Full PDB file with SEQRES, HELIX, SHEET, SSBOND, CRYST1, ORIGX, SCALE, CONECT and MASTER records, all heavy atoms in Angstrom:
SEQRES   1 A   43  PHE SER ALA VAL GLY GLN VAL SER ASP GLY VAL THR VAL          
SEQRES   2 A   43  VAL ASP PHE ASP LEU SER HIS THR TRP SER GLU VAL ASP          
SEQRES   3 A   43  GLY PHE THR LEU THR TYR GLY ILE ASP VAL VAL GLY THR          
SEQRES   4 A   43  ASP THR TYR LEU                                              
SHEET    1 AA1 3 SER A   2  SER A   8  0                                        
SHEET    2 AA1 3 VAL A  13  SER A  23 -1                                        
SHEET    3 AA1 3 GLY A  27  VAL A  36 -1                                        
CRYST1    1.000    1.000    1.000  90.00  90.00  90.00 P 1           1          
ORIGX1      1.000000  0.000000  0.000000        0.00000                         
ORIGX2      0.000000  1.000000  0.000000        0.00000                         
ORIGX3      0.000000  0.000000  1.000000        0.00000                         
SCALE1      1.000000  0.000000  0.000000        0.00000                         
SCALE2      0.000000  1.000000  0.000000        0.00000                         
SCALE3      0.000000  0.000000  1.000000        0.00000                         
ATOM      1  N   PHE A   1       0.151 -52.778  38.510  1.00  0.00           N  
ATOM      2  CA  PHE A   1      -0.216 -51.740  37.568  1.00  0.00           C  
ATOM      3  C   PHE A   1      -1.368 -52.267  36.736  1.00  0.00           C  
ATOM      4  O   PHE A   1      -1.344 -53.394  36.266  1.00  0.00           O  
ATOM      5  CB  PHE A   1       0.932 -51.337  36.724  1.00  0.00           C  
ATOM      6  CG  PHE A   1       0.554 -50.276  35.658  1.00  0.00           C  
ATOM      7  CD1 PHE A   1       0.641 -48.935  35.985  1.00  0.00           C  
ATOM      8  CD2 PHE A   1       0.171 -50.646  34.375  1.00  0.00           C  
ATOM      9  CE1 PHE A   1       0.289 -47.972  34.979  1.00  0.00           C  
ATOM     10  CE2 PHE A   1      -0.146 -49.768  33.409  1.00  0.00           C  
ATOM     11  CZ  PHE A   1      -0.126 -48.358  33.738  1.00  0.00           C  
ATOM     12  N   SER A   2      -2.402 -51.448  36.553  1.00  0.00           N  
ATOM     13  CA  SER A   2      -3.559 -51.927  35.762  1.00  0.00           C  
ATOM     14  C   SER A   2      -4.116 -50.750  34.914  1.00  0.00           C  
ATOM     15  O   SER A   2      -3.900 -49.567  35.243  1.00  0.00           O  
ATOM     16  CB  SER A   2      -4.664 -52.469  36.630  1.00  0.00           C  
ATOM     17  OG  SER A   2      -5.189 -51.471  37.481  1.00  0.00           O  
ATOM     18  N   ALA A   3      -4.801 -51.111  33.855  1.00  0.00           N  
ATOM     19  CA  ALA A   3      -5.445 -50.130  32.986  1.00  0.00           C  
ATOM     20  C   ALA A   3      -6.658 -50.778  32.351  1.00  0.00           C  
ATOM     21  O   ALA A   3      -6.577 -51.905  31.880  1.00  0.00           O  
ATOM     22  CB  ALA A   3      -4.482 -49.629  31.923  1.00  0.00           C  
ATOM     23  N   VAL A   4      -7.770 -50.031  32.339  1.00  0.00           N  
ATOM     24  CA  VAL A   4      -9.018 -50.517  31.715  1.00  0.00           C  
ATOM     25  C   VAL A   4      -9.601 -49.394  30.906  1.00  0.00           C  
ATOM     26  O   VAL A   4      -9.708 -48.237  31.359  1.00  0.00           O  
ATOM     27  CB  VAL A   4     -10.003 -50.938  32.837  1.00  0.00           C  
ATOM     28  CG1 VAL A   4     -11.313 -51.417  32.210  1.00  0.00           C  
ATOM     29  CG2 VAL A   4      -9.436 -52.015  33.725  1.00  0.00           C  
ATOM     30  N   GLY A   5     -10.050 -49.732  29.648  1.00  0.00           N  
ATOM     31  CA  GLY A   5     -10.629 -48.695  28.862  1.00  0.00           C  
ATOM     32  C   GLY A   5     -10.817 -49.136  27.415  1.00  0.00           C  
ATOM     33  O   GLY A   5     -10.998 -50.297  27.149  1.00  0.00           O  
ATOM     34  N   GLN A   6     -10.750 -48.160  26.488  1.00  0.00           N  
ATOM     35  CA  GLN A   6     -10.926 -48.394  25.087  1.00  0.00           C  
ATOM     36  C   GLN A   6      -9.855 -47.755  24.239  1.00  0.00           C  
ATOM     37  O   GLN A   6      -9.279 -46.728  24.648  1.00  0.00           O  
ATOM     38  CB  GLN A   6     -12.259 -47.769  24.590  1.00  0.00           C  
ATOM     39  CG  GLN A   6     -13.506 -48.625  24.931  1.00  0.00           C  
ATOM     40  CD  GLN A   6     -14.727 -48.118  24.179  1.00  0.00           C  
ATOM     41  OE1 GLN A   6     -14.800 -46.979  23.758  1.00  0.00           O  
ATOM     42  NE2 GLN A   6     -15.743 -48.996  23.982  1.00  0.00           N  
ATOM     43  N   VAL A   7      -9.576 -48.360  23.086  1.00  0.00           N  
ATOM     44  CA  VAL A   7      -8.655 -47.798  22.114  1.00  0.00           C  
ATOM     45  C   VAL A   7      -9.348 -47.942  20.723  1.00  0.00           C  
ATOM     46  O   VAL A   7     -10.027 -48.936  20.470  1.00  0.00           O  
ATOM     47  CB  VAL A   7      -7.298 -48.500  22.141  1.00  0.00           C  
ATOM     48  CG1 VAL A   7      -7.439 -49.989  21.908  1.00  0.00           C  
ATOM     49  CG2 VAL A   7      -6.328 -47.873  21.075  1.00  0.00           C  
ATOM     50  N   SER A   8      -9.136 -46.926  19.901  1.00  0.00           N  
ATOM     51  CA  SER A   8      -9.782 -46.923  18.563  1.00  0.00           C  
ATOM     52  C   SER A   8      -8.834 -46.304  17.535  1.00  0.00           C  
ATOM     53  O   SER A   8      -8.100 -45.340  17.864  1.00  0.00           O  
ATOM     54  CB  SER A   8     -11.093 -46.143  18.563  1.00  0.00           C  
ATOM     55  OG  SER A   8     -11.584 -45.998  17.223  1.00  0.00           O  
ATOM     56  N   ASP A   9      -8.811 -46.877  16.320  1.00  0.00           N  
ATOM     57  CA  ASP A   9      -8.019 -46.273  15.236  1.00  0.00           C  
ATOM     58  C   ASP A   9      -8.968 -45.448  14.325  1.00  0.00           C  
ATOM     59  O   ASP A   9      -8.586 -45.024  13.267  1.00  0.00           O  
ATOM     60  CB  ASP A   9      -7.302 -47.320  14.472  1.00  0.00           C  
ATOM     61  CG  ASP A   9      -8.239 -48.354  13.793  1.00  0.00           C  
ATOM     62  OD1 ASP A   9      -9.476 -48.253  13.984  1.00  0.00           O  
ATOM     63  OD2 ASP A   9      -7.778 -49.233  13.061  1.00  0.00           O  
ATOM     64  N   GLY A  10     -10.175 -45.246  14.754  1.00  0.00           N  
ATOM     65  CA  GLY A  10     -11.178 -44.531  13.935  1.00  0.00           C  
ATOM     66  C   GLY A  10     -12.100 -45.419  13.196  1.00  0.00           C  
ATOM     67  O   GLY A  10     -13.119 -45.001  12.675  1.00  0.00           O  
ATOM     68  N   VAL A  11     -11.747 -46.730  13.139  1.00  0.00           N  
ATOM     69  CA  VAL A  11     -12.569 -47.714  12.472  1.00  0.00           C  
ATOM     70  C   VAL A  11     -12.943 -48.833  13.407  1.00  0.00           C  
ATOM     71  O   VAL A  11     -14.145 -49.139  13.680  1.00  0.00           O  
ATOM     72  CB  VAL A  11     -11.848 -48.327  11.237  1.00  0.00           C  
ATOM     73  CG1 VAL A  11     -12.686 -49.426  10.600  1.00  0.00           C  
ATOM     74  CG2 VAL A  11     -11.518 -47.247  10.222  1.00  0.00           C  
ATOM     75  N   THR A  12     -11.951 -49.439  14.037  1.00  0.00           N  
ATOM     76  CA  THR A  12     -12.154 -50.550  14.994  1.00  0.00           C  
ATOM     77  C   THR A  12     -12.016 -50.039  16.401  1.00  0.00           C  
ATOM     78  O   THR A  12     -11.058 -49.313  16.695  1.00  0.00           O  
ATOM     79  CB  THR A  12     -11.157 -51.670  14.787  1.00  0.00           C  
ATOM     80  OG1 THR A  12     -11.269 -52.127  13.384  1.00  0.00           O  
ATOM     81  CG2 THR A  12     -11.404 -52.825  15.669  1.00  0.00           C  
ATOM     82  N   VAL A  13     -12.976 -50.422  17.264  1.00  0.00           N  
ATOM     83  CA  VAL A  13     -12.940 -50.039  18.670  1.00  0.00           C  
ATOM     84  C   VAL A  13     -12.686 -51.298  19.493  1.00  0.00           C  
ATOM     85  O   VAL A  13     -13.334 -52.304  19.277  1.00  0.00           O  
ATOM     86  CB  VAL A  13     -14.225 -49.371  19.072  1.00  0.00           C  
ATOM     87  CG1 VAL A  13     -14.196 -48.996  20.599  1.00  0.00           C  
ATOM     88  CG2 VAL A  13     -14.533 -48.112  18.257  1.00  0.00           C  
ATOM     89  N   VAL A  14     -11.750 -51.226  20.422  1.00  0.00           N  
ATOM     90  CA  VAL A  14     -11.402 -52.347  21.239  1.00  0.00           C  
ATOM     91  C   VAL A  14     -11.480 -51.990  22.708  1.00  0.00           C  
ATOM     92  O   VAL A  14     -10.955 -50.966  23.178  1.00  0.00           O  
ATOM     93  CB  VAL A  14      -9.942 -52.816  20.942  1.00  0.00           C  
ATOM     94  CG1 VAL A  14      -9.475 -53.804  21.967  1.00  0.00           C  
ATOM     95  CG2 VAL A  14      -9.857 -53.425  19.514  1.00  0.00           C  
ATOM     96  N   ASP A  15     -12.185 -52.817  23.499  1.00  0.00           N  
ATOM     97  CA  ASP A  15     -12.174 -52.703  24.918  1.00  0.00           C  
ATOM     98  C   ASP A  15     -10.973 -53.478  25.476  1.00  0.00           C  
ATOM     99  O   ASP A  15     -10.738 -54.603  24.985  1.00  0.00           O  
ATOM    100  CB  ASP A  15     -13.445 -53.283  25.527  1.00  0.00           C  
ATOM    101  CG  ASP A  15     -14.686 -52.459  25.254  1.00  0.00           C  
ATOM    102  OD1 ASP A  15     -14.567 -51.257  25.170  1.00  0.00           O  
ATOM    103  OD2 ASP A  15     -15.776 -53.057  25.138  1.00  0.00           O  
ATOM    104  N   PHE A  16     -10.268 -52.927  26.426  1.00  0.00           N  
ATOM    105  CA  PHE A  16      -9.163 -53.704  26.966  1.00  0.00           C  
ATOM    106  C   PHE A  16      -9.063 -53.598  28.475  1.00  0.00           C  
ATOM    107  O   PHE A  16      -9.598 -52.663  29.123  1.00  0.00           O  
ATOM    108  CB  PHE A  16      -7.819 -53.207  26.374  1.00  0.00           C  
ATOM    109  CG  PHE A  16      -7.424 -51.753  26.781  1.00  0.00           C  
ATOM    110  CD1 PHE A  16      -6.781 -51.524  28.002  1.00  0.00           C  
ATOM    111  CD2 PHE A  16      -7.701 -50.683  25.949  1.00  0.00           C  
ATOM    112  CE1 PHE A  16      -6.403 -50.208  28.354  1.00  0.00           C  
ATOM    113  CE2 PHE A  16      -7.333 -49.380  26.286  1.00  0.00           C  
ATOM    114  CZ  PHE A  16      -6.693 -49.184  27.493  1.00  0.00           C  
ATOM    115  N   ASP A  17      -8.440 -54.610  29.052  1.00  0.00           N  
ATOM    116  CA  ASP A  17      -8.235 -54.737  30.500  1.00  0.00           C  
ATOM    117  C   ASP A  17      -6.905 -55.433  30.716  1.00  0.00           C  
ATOM    118  O   ASP A  17      -6.718 -56.544  30.273  1.00  0.00           O  
ATOM    119  CB  ASP A  17      -9.355 -55.555  31.088  1.00  0.00           C  
ATOM    120  CG  ASP A  17      -9.325 -55.583  32.622  1.00  0.00           C  
ATOM    121  OD1 ASP A  17      -8.263 -55.280  33.217  1.00  0.00           O  
ATOM    122  OD2 ASP A  17     -10.379 -55.939  33.245  1.00  0.00           O  
ATOM    123  N   LEU A  18      -5.923 -54.740  31.288  1.00  0.00           N  
ATOM    124  CA  LEU A  18      -4.627 -55.276  31.485  1.00  0.00           C  
ATOM    125  C   LEU A  18      -4.131 -55.119  32.894  1.00  0.00           C  
ATOM    126  O   LEU A  18      -4.550 -54.223  33.618  1.00  0.00           O  
ATOM    127  CB  LEU A  18      -3.599 -54.645  30.489  1.00  0.00           C  
ATOM    128  CG  LEU A  18      -3.205 -53.226  30.701  1.00  0.00           C  
ATOM    129  CD1 LEU A  18      -1.942 -53.142  31.668  1.00  0.00           C  
ATOM    130  CD2 LEU A  18      -2.779 -52.558  29.377  1.00  0.00           C  
ATOM    131  N   SER A  19      -3.187 -55.955  33.279  1.00  0.00           N  
ATOM    132  CA  SER A  19      -2.562 -55.829  34.564  1.00  0.00           C  
ATOM    133  C   SER A  19      -1.114 -56.338  34.496  1.00  0.00           C  
ATOM    134  O   SER A  19      -0.840 -57.304  33.731  1.00  0.00           O  
ATOM    135  CB  SER A  19      -3.287 -56.592  35.665  1.00  0.00           C  
ATOM    136  OG  SER A  19      -3.178 -57.998  35.487  1.00  0.00           O  
ATOM    137  N   HIS A  20      -0.199 -55.631  35.134  1.00  0.00           N  
ATOM    138  CA  HIS A  20       1.144 -56.056  35.271  1.00  0.00           C  
ATOM    139  C   HIS A  20       1.441 -56.180  36.743  1.00  0.00           C  
ATOM    140  O   HIS A  20       1.287 -55.212  37.498  1.00  0.00           O  
ATOM    141  CB  HIS A  20       2.109 -55.021  34.689  1.00  0.00           C  
ATOM    142  CG  HIS A  20       1.950 -54.785  33.231  1.00  0.00           C  
ATOM    143  ND1 HIS A  20       2.531 -53.741  32.562  1.00  0.00           N  
ATOM    144  CD2 HIS A  20       1.221 -55.476  32.272  1.00  0.00           C  
ATOM    145  CE1 HIS A  20       2.215 -53.786  31.274  1.00  0.00           C  
ATOM    146  NE2 HIS A  20       1.422 -54.812  31.095  1.00  0.00           N  
ATOM    147  N   THR A  21       1.905 -57.335  37.215  1.00  0.00           N  
ATOM    148  CA  THR A  21       2.246 -57.479  38.624  1.00  0.00           C  
ATOM    149  C   THR A  21       3.697 -57.957  38.711  1.00  0.00           C  
ATOM    150  O   THR A  21       4.165 -58.728  37.898  1.00  0.00           O  
ATOM    151  CB  THR A  21       1.350 -58.454  39.368  1.00  0.00           C  
ATOM    152  OG1 THR A  21       1.513 -59.783  38.747  1.00  0.00           O  
ATOM    153  CG2 THR A  21      -0.118 -58.075  39.227  1.00  0.00           C  
ATOM    154  N   TRP A  22       4.388 -57.473  39.738  1.00  0.00           N  
ATOM    155  CA  TRP A  22       5.779 -57.870  39.994  1.00  0.00           C  
ATOM    156  C   TRP A  22       5.908 -58.176  41.500  1.00  0.00           C  
ATOM    157  O   TRP A  22       5.398 -57.438  42.344  1.00  0.00           O  
ATOM    158  CB  TRP A  22       6.739 -56.725  39.665  1.00  0.00           C  
ATOM    159  CG  TRP A  22       8.171 -57.101  39.940  1.00  0.00           C  
ATOM    160  CD1 TRP A  22       9.009 -57.842  39.212  1.00  0.00           C  
ATOM    161  CD2 TRP A  22       8.881 -56.749  41.101  1.00  0.00           C  
ATOM    162  NE1 TRP A  22      10.226 -57.957  39.777  1.00  0.00           N  
ATOM    163  CE2 TRP A  22      10.179 -57.287  41.002  1.00  0.00           C  
ATOM    164  CE3 TRP A  22       8.573 -55.983  42.262  1.00  0.00           C  
ATOM    165  CZ2 TRP A  22      11.182 -57.120  41.953  1.00  0.00           C  
ATOM    166  CZ3 TRP A  22       9.545 -55.799  43.189  1.00  0.00           C  
ATOM    167  CH2 TRP A  22      10.825 -56.379  43.062  1.00  0.00           C  
ATOM    168  N   SER A  23       6.541 -59.238  41.781  1.00  0.00           N  
ATOM    169  CA  SER A  23       6.801 -59.651  43.146  1.00  0.00           C  
ATOM    170  C   SER A  23       8.176 -60.268  43.282  1.00  0.00           C  
ATOM    171  O   SER A  23       8.604 -61.010  42.349  1.00  0.00           O  
ATOM    172  CB  SER A  23       5.768 -60.711  43.610  1.00  0.00           C  
ATOM    173  OG  SER A  23       6.144 -61.341  44.806  1.00  0.00           O  
ATOM    174  N   GLU A  24       8.880 -59.929  44.333  1.00  0.00           N  
ATOM    175  CA  GLU A  24      10.182 -60.495  44.578  1.00  0.00           C  
ATOM    176  C   GLU A  24      10.126 -62.012  44.647  1.00  0.00           C  
ATOM    177  O   GLU A  24      11.086 -62.706  44.354  1.00  0.00           O  
ATOM    178  CB  GLU A  24      10.823 -59.902  45.818  1.00  0.00           C  
ATOM    179  CG  GLU A  24      11.150 -58.433  45.681  1.00  0.00           C  
ATOM    180  CD  GLU A  24      11.738 -57.844  47.010  1.00  0.00           C  
ATOM    181  OE1 GLU A  24      11.757 -58.605  48.007  1.00  0.00           O  
ATOM    182  OE2 GLU A  24      12.102 -56.652  47.046  1.00  0.00           O  
ATOM    183  N   VAL A  25       9.043 -62.503  45.148  1.00  0.00           N  
ATOM    184  CA  VAL A  25       8.856 -63.939  45.353  1.00  0.00           C  
ATOM    185  C   VAL A  25       8.337 -64.603  44.103  1.00  0.00           C  
ATOM    186  O   VAL A  25       8.835 -65.660  43.686  1.00  0.00           O  
ATOM    187  CB  VAL A  25       7.972 -64.229  46.596  1.00  0.00           C  
ATOM    188  CG1 VAL A  25       7.727 -65.734  46.731  1.00  0.00           C  
ATOM    189  CG2 VAL A  25       8.562 -63.637  47.837  1.00  0.00           C  
ATOM    190  N   ASP A  26       7.275 -64.060  43.516  1.00  0.00           N  
ATOM    191  CA  ASP A  26       6.514 -64.714  42.465  1.00  0.00           C  
ATOM    192  C   ASP A  26       6.985 -64.352  41.081  1.00  0.00           C  
ATOM    193  O   ASP A  26       6.519 -64.984  40.070  1.00  0.00           O  
ATOM    194  CB  ASP A  26       5.025 -64.459  42.628  1.00  0.00           C  
ATOM    195  CG  ASP A  26       4.504 -64.995  43.945  1.00  0.00           C  
ATOM    196  OD1 ASP A  26       4.982 -66.037  44.396  1.00  0.00           O  
ATOM    197  OD2 ASP A  26       3.611 -64.347  44.511  1.00  0.00           O  
ATOM    198  N   GLY A  27       7.778 -63.335  40.914  1.00  0.00           N  
ATOM    199  CA  GLY A  27       8.195 -62.929  39.600  1.00  0.00           C  
ATOM    200  C   GLY A  27       7.172 -61.993  38.923  1.00  0.00           C  
ATOM    201  O   GLY A  27       6.531 -61.193  39.562  1.00  0.00           O  
ATOM    202  N   PHE A  28       6.977 -62.156  37.632  1.00  0.00           N  
ATOM    203  CA  PHE A  28       6.111 -61.286  36.848  1.00  0.00           C  
ATOM    204  C   PHE A  28       4.881 -62.048  36.320  1.00  0.00           C  
ATOM    205  O   PHE A  28       4.996 -63.197  35.956  1.00  0.00           O  
ATOM    206  CB  PHE A  28       6.814 -60.707  35.638  1.00  0.00           C  
ATOM    207  CG  PHE A  28       8.020 -59.861  35.930  1.00  0.00           C  
ATOM    208  CD1 PHE A  28       9.252 -60.437  36.153  1.00  0.00           C  
ATOM    209  CD2 PHE A  28       7.844 -58.487  36.073  1.00  0.00           C  
ATOM    210  CE1 PHE A  28      10.345 -59.637  36.446  1.00  0.00           C  
ATOM    211  CE2 PHE A  28       8.940 -57.699  36.410  1.00  0.00           C  
ATOM    212  CZ  PHE A  28      10.192 -58.281  36.601  1.00  0.00           C  
ATOM    213  N   THR A  29       3.831 -61.339  36.277  1.00  0.00           N  
ATOM    214  CA  THR A  29       2.605 -61.814  35.561  1.00  0.00           C  
ATOM    215  C   THR A  29       2.055 -60.661  34.749  1.00  0.00           C  
ATOM    216  O   THR A  29       1.762 -59.603  35.320  1.00  0.00           O  
ATOM    217  CB  THR A  29       1.537 -62.317  36.503  1.00  0.00           C  
ATOM    218  OG1 THR A  29       2.083 -63.429  37.293  1.00  0.00           O  
ATOM    219  CG2 THR A  29       0.322 -62.847  35.750  1.00  0.00           C  
ATOM    220  N   LEU A  30       1.916 -60.851  33.471  1.00  0.00           N  
ATOM    221  CA  LEU A  30       1.362 -59.812  32.616  1.00  0.00           C  
ATOM    222  C   LEU A  30       0.111 -60.410  31.911  1.00  0.00           C  
ATOM    223  O   LEU A  30       0.172 -61.488  31.310  1.00  0.00           O  
ATOM    224  CB  LEU A  30       2.347 -59.417  31.503  1.00  0.00           C  
ATOM    225  CG  LEU A  30       3.671 -58.801  31.947  1.00  0.00           C  
ATOM    226  CD1 LEU A  30       4.671 -59.838  32.290  1.00  0.00           C  
ATOM    227  CD2 LEU A  30       4.213 -57.891  30.868  1.00  0.00           C  
ATOM    228  N   THR A  31      -0.995 -59.738  32.065  1.00  0.00           N  
ATOM    229  CA  THR A  31      -2.227 -60.236  31.446  1.00  0.00           C  
ATOM    230  C   THR A  31      -2.831 -59.094  30.599  1.00  0.00           C  
ATOM    231  O   THR A  31      -2.818 -57.935  30.949  1.00  0.00           O  
ATOM    232  CB  THR A  31      -3.287 -60.668  32.435  1.00  0.00           C  
ATOM    233  OG1 THR A  31      -3.662 -59.573  33.297  1.00  0.00           O  
ATOM    234  CG2 THR A  31      -2.727 -61.780  33.337  1.00  0.00           C  
ATOM    235  N   TYR A  32      -3.292 -59.491  29.378  1.00  0.00           N  
ATOM    236  CA  TYR A  32      -3.917 -58.578  28.484  1.00  0.00           C  
ATOM    237  C   TYR A  32      -5.197 -59.191  27.966  1.00  0.00           C  
ATOM    238  O   TYR A  32      -5.177 -60.313  27.396  1.00  0.00           O  
ATOM    239  CB  TYR A  32      -2.975 -58.273  27.311  1.00  0.00           C  
ATOM    240  CG  TYR A  32      -1.627 -57.802  27.607  1.00  0.00           C  
ATOM    241  CD1 TYR A  32      -0.622 -58.637  27.981  1.00  0.00           C  
ATOM    242  CD2 TYR A  32      -1.339 -56.405  27.608  1.00  0.00           C  
ATOM    243  CE1 TYR A  32       0.668 -58.203  28.316  1.00  0.00           C  
ATOM    244  CE2 TYR A  32      -0.072 -55.959  27.922  1.00  0.00           C  
ATOM    245  CZ  TYR A  32       0.954 -56.852  28.239  1.00  0.00           C  
ATOM    246  OH  TYR A  32       2.194 -56.417  28.578  1.00  0.00           O  
ATOM    247  N   GLY A  33      -6.297 -58.498  28.091  1.00  0.00           N  
ATOM    248  CA  GLY A  33      -7.535 -58.965  27.586  1.00  0.00           C  
ATOM    249  C   GLY A  33      -8.153 -57.891  26.698  1.00  0.00           C  
ATOM    250  O   GLY A  33      -8.283 -56.734  27.131  1.00  0.00           O  
ATOM    251  N   ILE A  34      -8.472 -58.234  25.429  1.00  0.00           N  
ATOM    252  CA  ILE A  34      -9.099 -57.241  24.552  1.00  0.00           C  
ATOM    253  C   ILE A  34     -10.304 -57.845  23.839  1.00  0.00           C  
ATOM    254  O   ILE A  34     -10.294 -59.035  23.542  1.00  0.00           O  
ATOM    255  CB  ILE A  34      -8.087 -56.619  23.540  1.00  0.00           C  
ATOM    256  CG1 ILE A  34      -7.707 -57.643  22.469  1.00  0.00           C  
ATOM    257  CG2 ILE A  34      -6.879 -56.129  24.243  1.00  0.00           C  
ATOM    258  CD1 ILE A  34      -6.854 -57.072  21.399  1.00  0.00           C  
ATOM    259  N   ASP A  35     -11.326 -57.023  23.609  1.00  0.00           N  
ATOM    260  CA  ASP A  35     -12.516 -57.436  22.931  1.00  0.00           C  
ATOM    261  C   ASP A  35     -12.823 -56.448  21.813  1.00  0.00           C  
ATOM    262  O   ASP A  35     -12.917 -55.227  22.125  1.00  0.00           O  
ATOM    263  CB  ASP A  35     -13.746 -57.514  23.894  1.00  0.00           C  
ATOM    264  CG  ASP A  35     -13.549 -58.580  24.947  1.00  0.00           C  
ATOM    265  OD1 ASP A  35     -13.910 -59.720  24.668  1.00  0.00           O  
ATOM    266  OD2 ASP A  35     -13.021 -58.268  26.061  1.00  0.00           O  
ATOM    267  N   VAL A  36     -13.032 -56.858  20.603  1.00  0.00           N  
ATOM    268  CA  VAL A  36     -13.365 -56.006  19.524  1.00  0.00           C  
ATOM    269  C   VAL A  36     -14.851 -55.700  19.626  1.00  0.00           C  
ATOM    270  O   VAL A  36     -15.688 -56.599  19.503  1.00  0.00           O  
ATOM    271  CB  VAL A  36     -13.037 -56.618  18.183  1.00  0.00           C  
ATOM    272  CG1 VAL A  36     -13.390 -55.698  17.040  1.00  0.00           C  
ATOM    273  CG2 VAL A  36     -11.541 -57.006  18.091  1.00  0.00           C  
ATOM    274  N   VAL A  37     -15.191 -54.441  19.784  1.00  0.00           N  
ATOM    275  CA  VAL A  37     -16.586 -54.014  19.984  1.00  0.00           C  
ATOM    276  C   VAL A  37     -17.386 -54.319  18.736  1.00  0.00           C  
ATOM    277  O   VAL A  37     -16.974 -54.079  17.637  1.00  0.00           O  
ATOM    278  CB  VAL A  37     -16.663 -52.520  20.343  1.00  0.00           C  
ATOM    279  CG1 VAL A  37     -18.101 -52.007  20.378  1.00  0.00           C  
ATOM    280  CG2 VAL A  37     -15.930 -52.230  21.615  1.00  0.00           C  
ATOM    281  N   GLY A  38     -18.591 -54.897  18.958  1.00  0.00           N  
ATOM    282  CA  GLY A  38     -19.490 -55.232  17.880  1.00  0.00           C  
ATOM    283  C   GLY A  38     -19.234 -56.530  17.219  1.00  0.00           C  
ATOM    284  O   GLY A  38     -19.898 -56.875  16.195  1.00  0.00           O  
ATOM    285  N   THR A  39     -18.291 -57.311  17.732  1.00  0.00           N  
ATOM    286  CA  THR A  39     -18.010 -58.632  17.189  1.00  0.00           C  
ATOM    287  C   THR A  39     -17.804 -59.591  18.326  1.00  0.00           C  
ATOM    288  O   THR A  39     -17.852 -59.225  19.527  1.00  0.00           O  
ATOM    289  CB  THR A  39     -16.682 -58.630  16.352  1.00  0.00           C  
ATOM    290  OG1 THR A  39     -15.517 -58.555  17.224  1.00  0.00           O  
ATOM    291  CG2 THR A  39     -16.635 -57.448  15.402  1.00  0.00           C  
ATOM    292  N   ASP A  40     -17.537 -60.870  18.009  1.00  0.00           N  
ATOM    293  CA  ASP A  40     -17.263 -61.846  19.052  1.00  0.00           C  
ATOM    294  C   ASP A  40     -15.780 -62.124  19.125  1.00  0.00           C  
ATOM    295  O   ASP A  40     -15.329 -63.094  19.796  1.00  0.00           O  
ATOM    296  CB  ASP A  40     -18.052 -63.143  18.843  1.00  0.00           C  
ATOM    297  CG  ASP A  40     -17.602 -63.935  17.597  1.00  0.00           C  
ATOM    298  OD1 ASP A  40     -16.857 -63.361  16.825  1.00  0.00           O  
ATOM    299  OD2 ASP A  40     -17.909 -65.104  17.533  1.00  0.00           O  
ATOM    300  N   THR A  41     -14.944 -61.251  18.532  1.00  0.00           N  
ATOM    301  CA  THR A  41     -13.520 -61.478  18.488  1.00  0.00           C  
ATOM    302  C   THR A  41     -12.870 -60.968  19.778  1.00  0.00           C  
ATOM    303  O   THR A  41     -13.159 -59.871  20.233  1.00  0.00           O  
ATOM    304  CB  THR A  41     -12.876 -60.753  17.272  1.00  0.00           C  
ATOM    305  OG1 THR A  41     -13.386 -61.303  16.078  1.00  0.00           O  
ATOM    306  CG2 THR A  41     -11.378 -60.895  17.296  1.00  0.00           C  
ATOM    307  N   TYR A  42     -12.058 -61.829  20.371  1.00  0.00           N  
ATOM    308  CA  TYR A  42     -11.335 -61.399  21.550  1.00  0.00           C  
ATOM    309  C   TYR A  42      -9.941 -61.997  21.579  1.00  0.00           C  
ATOM    310  O   TYR A  42      -9.688 -63.048  20.953  1.00  0.00           O  
ATOM    311  CB  TYR A  42     -12.118 -61.766  22.858  1.00  0.00           C  
ATOM    312  CG  TYR A  42     -12.214 -63.251  23.120  1.00  0.00           C  
ATOM    313  CD1 TYR A  42     -11.202 -63.890  23.882  1.00  0.00           C  
ATOM    314  CD2 TYR A  42     -13.275 -64.002  22.627  1.00  0.00           C  
ATOM    315  CE1 TYR A  42     -11.304 -65.274  24.072  1.00  0.00           C  
ATOM    316  CE2 TYR A  42     -13.381 -65.371  22.863  1.00  0.00           C  
ATOM    317  CZ  TYR A  42     -12.353 -65.970  23.626  1.00  0.00           C  
ATOM    318  OH  TYR A  42     -12.447 -67.348  23.839  1.00  0.00           O  
ATOM    319  N   LEU A  43      -9.069 -61.427  22.389  1.00  0.00           N  
ATOM    320  CA  LEU A  43      -7.702 -61.983  22.624  1.00  0.00           C  
ATOM    321  C   LEU A  43      -7.472 -61.965  24.092  1.00  0.00           C  
ATOM    322  O   LEU A  43      -7.725 -60.965  24.785  1.00  0.00           O  
ATOM    323  CB  LEU A  43      -6.625 -61.173  21.938  1.00  0.00           C  
ATOM    324  CG  LEU A  43      -6.660 -60.903  20.418  1.00  0.00           C  
ATOM    325  CD1 LEU A  43      -5.425 -60.072  20.019  1.00  0.00           C  
ATOM    326  CD2 LEU A  43      -6.654 -62.228  19.653  1.00  0.00           C  
TER     327      LEU A  43                                                      
MASTER        0    0    0    0    3    0    0    6  326    1    0    4          
END                                                                             
């Protein structure tokens, strides 16, 4: 499962890119990447 786009509270705008993967063999991997638009802040 994946999702790519933007979220905003009306003040701060964040670009995000996430993925959730599940496998009977490998288990779970959850990744979340976000960048605050107009700054160098990221998670």
